[in-house]
Amino acid sequence: YCLFVLAGTLGPRQKALRHLTWDVVDLEAREVTWQKQWDKTGTERTQPLPRAAVRALRIAQVWRRRLDYSGPW
């Protein structure tokens, strides 16, 4: 669910989306920084997070805690 919402609201390529890590997501500032090694154009860029994307990421955080996952994704 979360990946579909992020793909639909932010429009990244699936490779960039699959390599999204929590250290490049800032929920307080409501923005994400796409890493250049996974971006189609090879550039690092920051993008604002719309409300639906923030909600999806918060859902992902809840499941991360419930599953006791501590990896980067």
Protein backbone atom coordinates (compact mmCIF):
# COMPACT_ATOMS: atom_id res chain seq x y z
CA TYR A 1 0.00 0.00 0.00
CA CYS A 2 2.66 2.47 1.03
CA LEU A 3 4.72 2.02 -2.13
CA PHE A 4 1.67 2.48 -4.34
CA VAL A 5 0.68 5.68 -2.56
CA LEU A 6 4.23 7.05 -2.73
CA ALA A 7 4.54 6.12 -6.40
CA GLY A 8 1.21 7.74 -7.21
CA THR A 9 1.79 10.95 -5.28
CA LEU A 10 5.52 11.50 -5.82
CA GLY A 11 6.10 9.88 -9.22
CA PRO A 12 9.59 8.41 -8.71
CA ARG A 13 10.95 5.56 -10.75
CA GLN A 14 10.49 2.22 -9.00
CA LYS A 15 14.24 1.78 -8.52
CA ALA A 16 14.47 5.06 -6.61
CA LEU A 17 11.36 4.19 -4.61
CA ARG A 18 12.63 0.73 -3.66
CA HIS A 19 15.88 2.25 -2.39
CA LEU A 20 14.19 4.92 -0.29
CA THR A 21 15.57 4.85 3.26
CA TRP A 22 14.45 6.60 6.42
CA ASP A 23 17.57 8.74 6.63
CA VAL A 24 16.47 10.74 3.55
CA VAL A 25 12.87 11.23 4.69
CA ASP A 26 12.07 14.23 6.87
CA LEU A 27 8.48 14.00 8.09
CA GLU A 28 8.77 17.20 10.13
CA ALA A 29 9.86 19.27 7.11
CA ARG A 30 7.59 17.12 4.90
CA GLU A 31 10.22 16.40 2.27
CA VAL A 32 12.24 13.56 0.81
CA THR A 33 15.67 13.68 -0.78
CA TRP A 34 16.07 11.29 -3.68
CA GLN A 35 19.60 9.86 -3.82
CA LYS A 36 21.52 10.45 -7.03
CA GLN A 37 22.71 6.85 -7.40
CA TRP A 38 19.08 5.69 -7.74
CA ASP A 39 17.67 8.66 -9.66
CA LYS A 40 17.14 8.39 -13.41
CA THR A 41 19.00 11.62 -14.08
CA GLY A 42 21.79 10.89 -11.60
CA THR A 43 21.11 13.99 -9.53
CA GLU A 44 20.18 14.35 -5.89
CA ARG A 45 16.94 16.26 -5.48
CA THR A 46 14.61 17.20 -2.66
CA GLN A 47 10.86 16.94 -3.11
CA PRO A 48 8.03 18.11 -0.86
CA LEU A 49 5.79 15.39 0.57
CA PRO A 50 2.06 15.82 0.00
CA ARG A 51 -0.35 14.86 2.80
CA ALA A 52 -1.10 11.41 1.31
CA ALA A 53 2.62 10.57 1.15
CA VAL A 54 3.17 11.64 4.76
CA ARG A 55 0.23 9.49 5.84
CA ALA A 56 1.60 6.46 3.96
CA LEU A 57 5.03 6.93 5.52
CA ARG A 58 3.52 7.17 9.00
CA ILE A 59 1.69 3.89 8.35
CA ALA A 60 5.01 2.36 7.30
CA GLN A 61 6.56 3.58 10.56
CA VAL A 62 3.81 1.94 12.60
CA TRP A 63 4.33 -1.39 10.86
CA ARG A 64 8.09 -1.01 11.23
CA ARG A 65 7.67 -0.75 15.01
CA ARG A 66 5.10 -3.56 15.19
CA LEU A 67 7.39 -5.91 13.29
CA ASP A 68 10.42 -4.72 15.29
CA TYR A 69 12.31 -3.99 12.09
CA SER A 70 15.46 -1.90 12.47
CA GLY A 71 16.91 -1.98 8.95
CA PRO A 72 17.28 1.04 6.69
CA TRP A 73 14.03 0.57 4.74
